[in-house]
């Protein structure tokens, strides 16, 4: 089933706009013709797992759609994956075809052909040799890899039906008619793939694409935020999807005088816990921001807040196709979820899935408190989710990164990376303000100001910018030890 054929657009209606050297529009019929052309070539090859590593451009959508038509398994790989991660993904997934936008040199890769998509985007197709036979679950359409908290990505196997179910629930819930969506995240990131491509297109909308470098990205990091702002100004979109780092970028520019386009109707933010203070600030500055929550195992989104359901700032109501329950603070979900992890046994779709996320539910809406595995247990026996104080620290736009520590220690400390314009006195003042919002056992008693930002390249962040806590602790072991060298007074600890 080619998902392009499921779109409500008529054949000559524009579904995609590319912003490369020049602005180019593509109709549903034009993309379908390109998919047929690529499909005829791929059908001649012996392959059942097709990996592709391509920038944010029309060729990515053509590849994604034609793989569903061929009933083969799609294995999208982000451009920011390291060579080791790409190799791990290829080997573990049993991919026997690789499509790239650049020449790929490897001993086991035999060049087959090159083809230009939309007369502009050249693709190189390779047959991979000596591939181990990997048995896929029935109905596997896509394997999405997440870097997680360790180096090797984990493959999550999804059906096309589960992805389209999420996309359908999303566009019905967001209720923006024929949205104009600008993709700011890499397309292999499942959230942008499902919520940023499938959902707006199923709503009869149009997707706008721009090369990641033109958006200001270098690898997984936003190196030139001015370019991101310029892209938003150029496209004048109705909808965006942001991770917290990008939301901080937009807030910072608004505070410096930038006016967000009036065209913006809905900005979804997810990927990590965002404090209600940040959401309120963003809205006060004219950014229509709504928090969501999800995970790859649920084909991206589990819940989403919207302007129709905004009695209080939260991660919103659970999408209607899912069931939830909360046990000892942990969220469990059931519904059309993932089929299983690559290389493991199939998942029983009738069983509850433990998300590992700590939540509470108020008035039918989820409030995300953090990850169970990131829960800190102090030497006083207090359980604290690290994301709770971290989200409050990050509520100031000049604080770019914050990692809270304190496992088996009498108090919490934090490693903080801030904008160079913020001096230590201003930082201390903000931490004092944060501590006023926290109970005594969760206050930040000491902190260390990082000289260099934590980065994915250094192995300290995951691909979606979440901290790799063990790696960070190992790298800054001496600095952390000094934070606990001389105990605070008993009065300070109470």
Protein backbone atom coordinates (compact mmCIF):
# COMPACT_ATOMS: atom_id res chain seq x y z
CA UNK A 1 0.00 0.00 0.00
CA UNK A 2 1.53 3.31 -1.09
CA UNK A 3 0.47 5.84 1.56
CA UNK A 4 0.55 8.57 -1.10
CA UNK A 5 -2.57 7.03 -2.62
CA UNK A 6 -4.39 7.40 0.71
CA UNK A 7 -4.08 11.19 0.77
CA UNK A 8 -7.28 13.21 0.25
CA UNK A 9 -5.64 15.54 -2.28
CA UNK A 10 -6.66 15.43 -5.93
CA UNK A 11 -3.94 14.45 -8.41
CA UNK A 12 -2.87 17.99 -9.36
CA UNK A 13 -2.95 19.41 -5.83
CA UNK A 14 0.35 20.46 -4.25
CA UNK A 15 1.39 18.19 -1.40
CA UNK A 16 5.05 19.15 -1.05
CA UNK A 17 7.22 22.26 -1.40
CA UNK A 18 11.01 22.07 -1.48
CA UNK A 19 13.13 25.07 -0.48
CA UNK A 20 16.59 24.30 -1.83
CA UNK A 21 18.20 26.48 -4.50
CA UNK A 22 14.72 27.66 -5.38
CA UNK A 23 11.19 27.01 -4.19
CA UNK A 24 9.69 24.05 -6.07
CA UNK A 25 6.21 22.61 -5.69
CA UNK A 26 5.23 18.98 -6.24
CA UNK A 27 1.75 17.64 -6.81
CA UNK A 28 0.44 14.32 -5.60
CA UNK A 29 0.60 12.99 -9.19
CA UNK A 30 4.21 14.13 -9.65
CA UNK A 31 5.39 12.43 -6.47
CA UNK A 32 3.46 9.30 -7.42
CA UNK A 33 5.17 9.24 -10.82
CA UNK A 34 8.57 9.49 -9.12
CA UNK A 35 7.61 6.68 -6.74
CA UNK A 36 6.63 4.46 -9.68
CA UNK A 37 9.96 5.17 -11.40
CA UNK A 38 12.00 4.34 -8.28
CA UNK A 39 9.78 1.36 -7.51
CA UNK A 40 10.42 -0.20 -10.92
CA UNK A 41 14.16 -0.06 -10.24
CA UNK A 42 13.97 -1.39 -6.68
CA UNK A 43 11.63 -4.21 -7.74
CA UNK A 44 14.42 -5.65 -9.92
CA UNK A 45 16.74 -6.02 -6.92
CA UNK A 46 16.82 -8.88 -4.47
CA UNK A 47 16.08 -7.23 -1.20
CA UNK A 48 13.58 -7.12 1.60
CA UNK A 49 15.14 -4.58 3.98
CA UNK A 50 15.82 -1.16 2.42
CA UNK A 51 17.90 1.31 4.44
CA UNK A 52 18.06 4.94 3.34
CA UNK A 53 20.13 7.86 4.56
CA UNK A 54 18.89 11.00 2.83
CA UNK A 55 18.49 14.68 3.75
CA UNK A 56 15.17 16.48 4.26
CA UNK A 57 14.11 16.67 0.62
CA UNK A 58 11.43 15.20 -1.69
CA UNK A 59 13.53 12.10 -2.41
CA UNK A 60 13.09 11.00 1.21
CA UNK A 61 9.29 11.03 0.87
CA UNK A 62 9.44 9.22 -2.46
CA UNK A 63 11.60 6.45 -0.97
CA UNK A 64 9.38 6.16 2.10
CA UNK A 65 6.23 5.86 0.00
CA UNK A 66 7.57 3.39 -2.54
CA UNK A 67 8.86 0.99 0.13
CA UNK A 68 5.34 0.71 1.50
CA UNK A 69 4.12 -0.06 -2.03
CA UNK A 70 6.75 -2.80 -2.48
CA UNK A 71 5.79 -4.30 0.91
CA UNK A 72 9.40 -4.26 1.94
CA UNK A 73 10.84 -3.03 5.23
CA UNK A 74 11.86 0.62 5.50
CA UNK A 75 14.96 1.40 7.57
CA UNK A 76 15.42 5.20 7.72
CA UNK A 77 18.79 6.30 9.10
CA UNK A 78 19.52 9.85 10.33
CA UNK A 79 22.39 11.72 8.69
CA UNK A 80 23.82 12.44 12.15
CA UNK A 81 24.36 8.74 12.97
CA UNK A 82 28.03 7.91 13.42
CA UNK A 83 29.69 5.36 11.12
CA UNK A 84 29.51 2.85 13.97
CA UNK A 85 25.79 3.46 14.48
CA UNK A 86 25.08 3.15 10.75
CA UNK A 87 26.96 -0.15 10.61
CA UNK A 88 25.17 -1.46 13.68
CA UNK A 89 21.80 -0.49 12.21
CA UNK A 90 22.55 -2.11 8.86
CA UNK A 91 23.85 -5.34 10.36
CA UNK A 92 21.20 -5.76 13.05
CA UNK A 93 18.33 -4.96 10.66
CA UNK A 94 19.53 -7.32 7.92
CA UNK A 95 19.28 -4.50 5.36
CA UNK A 96 20.34 -5.72 1.94
CA UNK A 97 19.70 -2.50 0.00
CA UNK A 98 21.12 0.91 0.92
CA UNK A 99 20.04 4.18 -0.68
CA UNK A 100 22.14 7.28 -0.01
CA UNK A 101 22.46 10.81 -1.30
CA UNK A 102 26.27 10.54 -1.22
CA UNK A 103 28.72 7.93 -2.44
CA UNK A 104 29.00 5.14 0.13
CA UNK A 105 32.30 3.27 0.48
CA UNK A 106 32.26 -0.07 2.28
CA UNK A 107 33.71 -3.46 1.47
CA UNK A 108 30.32 -5.15 1.52
CA UNK A 109 28.50 -2.51 -0.59
CA UNK A 110 28.18 -3.13 -4.34
CA UNK A 111 27.08 -0.11 -6.36
CA UNK A 112 24.00 -0.95 -8.45
CA UNK A 113 22.67 2.25 -9.96
CA UNK A 114 22.06 5.95 -9.50
CA UNK A 115 18.78 7.70 -10.18
CA UNK A 116 17.60 11.30 -10.04
CA UNK A 117 14.37 11.97 -8.20
CA UNK A 118 12.37 15.01 -9.33
CA UNK A 119 15.19 15.70 -11.83
CA UNK A 120 17.36 17.09 -9.05
CA UNK A 121 18.01 14.75 -6.13
CA UNK A 122 20.52 12.08 -7.06
CA UNK A 123 20.34 8.79 -5.18
CA UNK A 124 22.99 6.06 -5.09
CA UNK A 125 21.72 2.51 -4.66
CA UNK A 126 23.88 -0.26 -3.22
CA UNK A 127 23.39 -4.00 -2.76
CA UNK A 128 24.84 -5.05 0.58
CA UNK A 129 26.74 -8.34 0.57
CA UNK A 130 27.12 -11.05 3.22
CA UNK A 131 24.02 -9.90 5.06
CA UNK A 132 22.78 -12.03 7.94
CA UNK A 133 19.24 -13.30 7.51
CA UNK A 134 16.96 -11.40 9.89
CA UNK A 135 13.40 -12.57 10.37
CA UNK A 136 10.96 -9.66 10.55
CA UNK A 137 7.69 -9.70 12.46
CA UNK A 138 4.58 -10.04 10.33
CA UNK A 139 3.38 -6.63 9.07
CA UNK A 140 6.71 -4.92 9.76
CA UNK A 141 6.81 -1.82 7.59
CA UNK A 142 9.43 0.31 9.31
CA UNK A 143 12.29 -0.15 11.74
CA UNK A 144 13.07 3.05 13.57
CA UNK A 145 16.34 3.29 15.45
CA UNK A 146 16.71 5.34 18.59
CA UNK A 147 20.13 5.90 20.12
CA UNK A 148 18.76 5.71 23.64
CA UNK A 149 21.12 6.12 26.56
CA UNK A 150 23.78 3.80 25.17
CA UNK A 151 25.84 3.87 21.98
CA UNK A 152 24.14 1.20 19.88
CA UNK A 153 20.72 2.15 18.48
CA UNK A 154 17.75 -0.09 19.31
CA UNK A 155 15.42 -1.13 16.49
CA UNK A 156 11.69 -0.66 17.07
CA UNK A 157 9.54 -2.52 14.51
CA UNK A 158 6.32 -0.80 13.43
CA UNK A 159 3.44 -1.59 11.09
CA UNK A 160 2.23 1.00 8.59
CA UNK A 161 -1.23 0.75 10.14
CA UNK A 162 0.03 1.80 13.58
CA UNK A 163 1.84 4.84 12.15
CA UNK A 164 -1.17 5.96 10.12
CA UNK A 165 -3.43 5.44 13.14
CA UNK A 166 -1.32 7.87 15.16
CA UNK A 167 -1.24 10.34 12.26
CA UNK A 168 -5.03 10.16 11.89
CA UNK A 169 -5.62 10.69 15.61
CA UNK A 170 -3.23 13.65 15.56
CA UNK A 171 -4.70 15.56 12.65
CA UNK A 172 -8.20 15.06 14.04
CA UNK A 173 -7.12 16.30 17.47
CA UNK A 174 -5.09 19.30 16.24
CA UNK A 175 -7.92 20.27 13.85
CA UNK A 176 -5.97 22.70 11.67
CA UNK A 177 -7.59 22.60 8.24
CA UNK A 178 -5.16 21.83 5.40
CA UNK A 179 -2.09 22.73 7.49
CA UNK A 180 1.08 24.19 6.03
CA UNK A 181 3.80 22.35 7.95
CA UNK A 182 7.52 23.10 7.97
CA UNK A 183 9.71 20.11 8.94
CA UNK A 184 12.43 21.29 11.33
CA UNK A 185 13.49 17.87 12.64
CA UNK A 186 15.27 15.24 10.52
CA UNK A 187 12.70 13.11 8.66
CA UNK A 188 14.10 9.79 10.02
CA UNK A 189 13.12 11.01 13.50
CA UNK A 190 9.83 9.18 13.96
CA UNK A 191 8.06 12.17 15.48
CA UNK A 192 8.63 14.29 12.36
CA UNK A 193 7.97 11.34 10.06
CA UNK A 194 4.57 10.52 11.57
CA UNK A 195 3.39 13.83 13.03
CA UNK A 196 5.15 16.14 10.58
CA UNK A 197 4.58 14.29 7.29
CA UNK A 198 1.79 11.72 7.53
CA UNK A 199 -0.50 13.76 9.82
CA UNK A 200 -0.58 17.07 7.90
CA UNK A 201 -0.86 15.26 4.57
CA UNK A 202 -3.76 13.11 5.79
CA UNK A 203 -5.36 16.39 6.86
CA UNK A 204 -5.17 17.60 3.25
CA UNK A 205 -2.24 19.88 4.01
CA UNK A 206 1.15 20.60 2.49
CA UNK A 207 4.63 19.72 3.78
CA UNK A 208 7.57 22.12 3.34
CA UNK A 209 11.10 20.70 3.33
CA UNK A 210 14.50 22.33 3.61
CA UNK A 211 17.95 20.75 3.82
CA UNK A 212 19.08 20.39 7.44
CA UNK A 213 22.22 22.44 6.81
CA UNK A 214 20.08 25.26 5.40
CA UNK A 215 18.00 25.09 8.60
CA UNK A 216 21.19 25.74 10.58
CA UNK A 217 21.98 22.20 11.74
CA UNK A 218 25.41 20.65 11.90
CA UNK A 219 24.98 16.97 12.67
CA UNK A 220 22.36 16.71 15.39
CA UNK A 221 23.09 20.17 16.82
CA UNK A 222 21.64 23.55 15.87
CA UNK A 223 24.81 25.47 14.97
CA UNK A 224 23.26 28.53 13.30
CA UNK A 225 19.92 29.37 14.92
CA UNK A 226 19.55 32.49 12.74
CA UNK A 227 19.02 30.20 9.75
CA UNK A 228 16.23 28.34 11.54
CA UNK A 229 14.45 31.62 12.25
CA UNK A 230 14.97 32.74 8.64
CA UNK A 231 13.42 29.49 7.40
CA UNK A 232 10.31 30.02 9.54
CA UNK A 233 10.01 33.58 8.26
CA UNK A 234 10.40 32.41 4.67
CA UNK A 235 7.82 29.61 4.79
CA UNK A 236 5.25 31.24 7.12
CA UNK A 237 3.97 27.83 8.31
CA UNK A 238 0.82 26.99 10.26
CA UNK A 239 2.41 24.18 12.27
CA UNK A 240 5.82 23.18 13.63
CA UNK A 241 7.23 20.37 15.77
CA UNK A 242 9.98 21.30 18.22
CA UNK A 243 12.19 19.64 20.77
CA UNK A 244 12.82 21.75 23.91
CA UNK A 245 16.15 23.05 22.58
CA UNK A 246 14.45 24.51 19.51
CA UNK A 247 11.68 25.99 21.63
CA UNK A 248 14.35 27.76 23.71
CA UNK A 249 15.80 29.09 20.47
CA UNK A 250 12.47 30.59 19.37
CA UNK A 251 11.84 32.09 22.81
CA UNK A 252 15.30 33.67 22.82
CA UNK A 253 14.75 35.30 19.43
CA UNK A 254 11.31 36.62 20.39
CA UNK A 255 12.83 38.18 23.51
CA UNK A 256 15.38 39.88 21.24
CA UNK A 257 12.65 41.39 19.08
CA UNK A 258 11.77 38.71 16.51
CA UNK A 259 8.07 38.48 15.75
CA UNK A 260 6.84 34.97 15.07
CA UNK A 261 4.70 34.70 11.91
CA UNK A 262 1.00 35.26 12.49
CA UNK A 263 0.43 32.21 10.31
CA UNK A 264 1.51 29.94 13.19
CA UNK A 265 -1.50 28.17 14.69
CA UNK A 266 0.01 25.18 16.47
CA UNK A 267 3.52 24.40 17.73
CA UNK A 268 3.95 20.95 19.27
CA UNK A 269 6.87 20.43 21.64
CA UNK A 270 8.03 17.04 22.85
CA UNK A 271 11.03 14.79 23.30
CA UNK A 272 11.68 15.74 26.94
CA UNK A 273 9.90 17.22 29.93
CA UNK A 274 9.13 20.93 29.48
CA UNK A 275 8.17 23.00 32.51
CA UNK A 276 4.82 24.76 32.59
CA UNK A 277 6.74 28.02 33.14
CA UNK A 278 8.41 27.68 29.73
CA UNK A 279 5.07 26.92 28.05
CA UNK A 280 3.47 29.96 29.70
CA UNK A 281 6.38 32.18 28.70
CA UNK A 282 6.24 30.97 25.10
CA UNK A 283 2.52 31.68 24.86
CA UNK A 284 2.95 35.09 26.48
CA UNK A 285 5.47 35.85 23.72
CA UNK A 286 2.98 34.86 21.04
CA UNK A 287 4.12 31.30 20.35
CA UNK A 288 1.12 28.87 20.28
CA UNK A 289 3.00 26.06 22.02
CA UNK A 290 1.36 22.82 23.20
CA UNK A 291 3.16 19.97 24.92
CA UNK A 292 2.95 16.37 23.79
CA UNK A 293 4.30 13.07 25.02
CA UNK A 294 5.25 9.93 23.17
CA UNK A 295 7.71 7.15 22.49
CA UNK A 296 8.82 5.13 19.50
CA UNK A 297 7.09 2.02 20.83
CA UNK A 298 3.75 3.83 20.40
CA UNK A 299 4.64 4.96 16.85
CA UNK A 300 5.61 8.39 18.23
CA UNK A 301 2.77 10.25 20.02
CA UNK A 302 0.75 9.06 23.03
CA UNK A 303 -0.87 12.30 24.20
CA UNK A 304 -1.08 15.92 23.11
CA UNK A 305 -2.45 19.11 24.54
CA UNK A 306 -4.39 21.39 22.17
CA UNK A 307 -6.20 24.73 22.20
CA UNK A 308 -9.47 22.78 22.51
CA UNK A 309 -8.34 21.04 25.70
CA UNK A 310 -6.19 23.55 27.50
CA UNK A 311 -7.70 24.01 30.94
CA UNK A 312 -4.26 23.50 32.42
CA UNK A 313 -0.79 23.12 30.97
CA UNK A 314 -0.03 19.42 30.60
CA UNK A 315 0.91 16.78 28.04
CA UNK A 316 -2.79 16.61 27.21
CA UNK A 317 -5.25 13.79 26.81
CA UNK A 318 -4.20 10.38 25.53
CA UNK A 319 -4.97 9.84 21.84
CA UNK A 320 -8.30 7.99 21.42
CA UNK A 321 -6.84 4.81 19.93
CA UNK A 322 -4.84 4.05 23.11
CA UNK A 323 -5.70 2.75 26.58
CA UNK A 324 -3.67 3.73 29.65
CA UNK A 325 -3.29 2.85 33.30
CA UNK A 326 -0.91 4.06 36.00
CA UNK A 327 0.72 1.68 38.44
CA UNK A 328 3.06 2.98 41.16
CA UNK A 329 3.44 6.18 39.18
CA UNK A 330 4.49 4.43 35.96
CA UNK A 331 2.42 4.77 32.79
CA UNK A 332 1.27 1.61 31.00
CA UNK A 333 -0.28 1.74 27.52
CA UNK A 334 -2.16 -0.69 25.29
CA UNK A 335 -3.35 -0.48 21.69
CA UNK A 336 -1.81 -0.62 18.18
CA UNK A 337 1.77 -0.36 19.45
CA UNK A 338 5.07 -1.64 18.07
CA UNK A 339 5.40 -5.23 16.92
CA UNK A 340 8.53 -5.92 18.96
CA UNK A 341 12.19 -5.04 19.23
CA UNK A 342 14.49 -6.12 16.44
CA UNK A 343 16.09 -9.47 17.30
CA UNK A 344 13.68 -10.19 20.14
CA UNK A 345 10.40 -12.05 20.38
CA UNK A 346 7.15 -10.59 19.04
CA UNK A 347 5.18 -8.45 21.46
CA UNK A 348 1.74 -9.61 22.57
CA UNK A 349 -0.56 -6.80 21.43
CA UNK A 350 -3.04 -7.66 24.19
CA UNK A 351 -0.49 -7.00 26.91
CA UNK A 352 0.09 -3.70 28.66
CA UNK A 353 3.39 -2.03 27.78
CA UNK A 354 5.38 -0.44 30.61
CA UNK A 355 6.64 2.90 29.28
CA UNK A 356 9.19 3.54 32.00
CA UNK A 357 7.76 7.05 32.37
CA UNK A 358 6.52 8.51 35.63
CA UNK A 359 3.22 10.38 35.26
CA UNK A 360 0.23 11.66 37.13
CA UNK A 361 -3.22 12.24 35.65
CA UNK A 362 -5.29 15.29 36.54
CA UNK A 363 -8.69 16.04 35.01
CA UNK A 364 -8.02 13.39 32.37
CA UNK A 365 -4.70 14.88 31.28
CA UNK A 366 -1.20 13.49 31.64
CA UNK A 367 1.55 15.31 33.49
CA UNK A 368 4.97 13.80 32.77
CA UNK A 369 7.29 13.69 35.76
CA UNK A 370 10.28 11.97 34.19
CA UNK A 371 11.82 8.59 33.48
CA UNK A 372 11.70 5.79 36.05
CA UNK A 373 15.35 4.95 35.29
CA UNK A 374 16.31 8.60 35.90
CA UNK A 375 14.82 8.58 39.36
CA UNK A 376 17.29 9.71 42.01
CA UNK A 377 17.15 8.13 45.46
CA UNK A 378 19.00 10.33 47.94
CA UNK A 379 20.78 9.09 51.05
CA UNK A 380 17.73 10.34 52.97
CA UNK A 381 15.59 7.86 51.03
CA UNK A 382 13.79 10.50 48.98
CA UNK A 383 12.76 9.56 45.41
CA UNK A 384 13.17 12.42 42.93
CA UNK A 385 12.77 12.38 39.16
CA UNK A 386 15.80 14.25 37.75
CA UNK A 387 13.68 15.83 35.01
CA UNK A 388 11.57 17.67 37.57
CA UNK A 389 14.21 20.15 38.85
CA UNK A 390 15.93 20.07 35.44
CA UNK A 391 12.81 21.36 33.71
CA UNK A 392 12.60 24.23 36.21
CA UNK A 393 16.25 25.12 35.71
CA UNK A 394 15.72 25.15 31.95
CA UNK A 395 12.76 27.52 32.28
CA UNK A 396 15.25 30.40 31.89
CA UNK A 397 16.11 30.95 28.24
CA UNK A 398 19.80 31.59 29.06
CA UNK A 399 20.17 28.15 30.64
CA UNK A 400 20.84 25.82 27.74
CA UNK A 401 21.56 22.52 29.49
CA UNK A 402 21.06 21.19 33.02
CA UNK A 403 21.76 17.76 34.48
CA UNK A 404 20.75 17.10 38.10
CA UNK A 405 22.67 14.53 40.15
CA UNK A 406 22.43 13.15 43.68
CA UNK A 407 22.06 9.36 43.69
CA UNK A 408 22.85 8.08 47.21
CA UNK A 409 23.94 11.60 48.21
CA UNK A 410 22.48 13.82 50.93
CA UNK A 411 21.46 16.60 48.53
CA UNK A 412 21.10 17.42 44.83
CA UNK A 413 23.62 19.20 42.65
CA UNK A 414 23.53 20.27 39.04
CA UNK A 415 25.84 20.54 36.05
CA UNK A 416 24.71 23.60 34.10
CA UNK A 417 25.68 25.11 30.74
CA UNK A 418 24.48 28.66 30.26
CA UNK A 419 24.63 31.49 27.75
CA UNK A 420 27.88 33.40 28.20
CA UNK A 421 25.88 36.61 28.74
CA UNK A 422 24.57 35.22 32.03
CA UNK A 423 26.97 35.82 34.92
CA UNK A 424 27.27 33.64 38.02
CA UNK A 425 25.24 36.02 40.19
CA UNK A 426 22.34 35.90 37.71
CA UNK A 427 22.63 32.11 37.56
CA UNK A 428 22.56 31.86 41.36
CA UNK A 429 19.52 34.14 41.47
CA UNK A 430 17.67 31.86 39.04
CA UNK A 431 18.62 28.74 41.00
CA UNK A 432 17.34 30.44 44.18
CA UNK A 433 14.05 31.14 42.37
CA UNK A 434 13.83 27.52 41.25
CA UNK A 435 14.53 26.27 44.77
CA UNK A 436 11.57 28.29 46.06
CA UNK A 437 9.36 26.08 43.87
CA UNK A 438 10.86 22.83 45.17
CA UNK A 439 10.47 20.98 48.47
CA UNK A 440 13.55 20.93 50.68
CA UNK A 441 14.67 17.46 49.60
CA UNK A 442 14.64 18.44 45.90
CA UNK A 443 16.44 21.78 46.13
CA UNK A 444 19.68 22.31 44.19
CA UNK A 445 22.26 22.88 46.92
CA UNK A 446 25.35 23.20 44.74
CA UNK A 447 26.10 23.54 41.06
CA UNK A 448 28.96 23.46 38.58
CA UNK A 449 29.02 25.70 35.51
CA UNK A 450 30.15 23.78 32.44
CA UNK A 451 32.67 25.49 30.16
CA UNK A 452 31.66 23.42 27.12
CA UNK A 453 28.21 22.29 26.07
CA UNK A 454 27.31 18.62 26.38
CA UNK A 455 27.17 17.17 22.87
CA UNK A 456 26.10 14.13 20.92
CA UNK A 457 29.52 14.01 19.23
CA UNK A 458 31.25 13.71 22.60
CA UNK A 459 28.96 10.83 23.54
CA UNK A 460 27.19 12.80 26.27
CA UNK A 461 23.78 13.25 24.59
CA UNK A 462 21.46 10.93 22.73
CA UNK A 463 20.44 11.75 19.16
CA UNK A 464 17.40 13.66 20.47
CA UNK A 465 19.53 15.63 22.96
CA UNK A 466 18.68 13.74 26.14
CA UNK A 467 21.57 13.42 28.60
CA UNK A 468 23.50 10.17 28.78
CA UNK A 469 23.74 10.33 32.53
CA UNK A 470 26.28 7.61 33.14
CA UNK A 471 28.64 9.01 30.50
CA UNK A 472 28.25 12.52 31.91
CA UNK A 473 28.91 11.28 35.43
CA UNK A 474 32.05 9.48 34.28
CA UNK A 475 33.41 12.50 32.38
CA UNK A 476 32.77 14.97 35.20
CA UNK A 477 33.49 12.59 38.04
CA UNK A 478 36.10 14.86 39.66
CA UNK A 479 33.93 17.97 39.48
CA UNK A 480 30.97 16.06 40.93
CA UNK A 481 33.13 14.65 43.73
CA UNK A 482 34.18 18.19 44.70
CA UNK A 483 30.51 19.23 44.95
CA UNK A 484 30.13 16.64 47.70
CA UNK A 485 33.58 16.96 49.33
CA UNK A 486 32.57 19.16 52.27
CA UNK A 487 29.10 18.52 53.58
CA UNK A 488 26.67 21.37 53.96
CA UNK A 489 25.39 22.16 57.39
CA UNK A 490 22.54 20.14 58.84
CA UNK A 491 20.33 23.21 58.53
CA UNK A 492 21.06 23.40 54.79
CA UNK A 493 20.22 19.75 54.29
CA UNK A 494 16.82 19.88 55.98
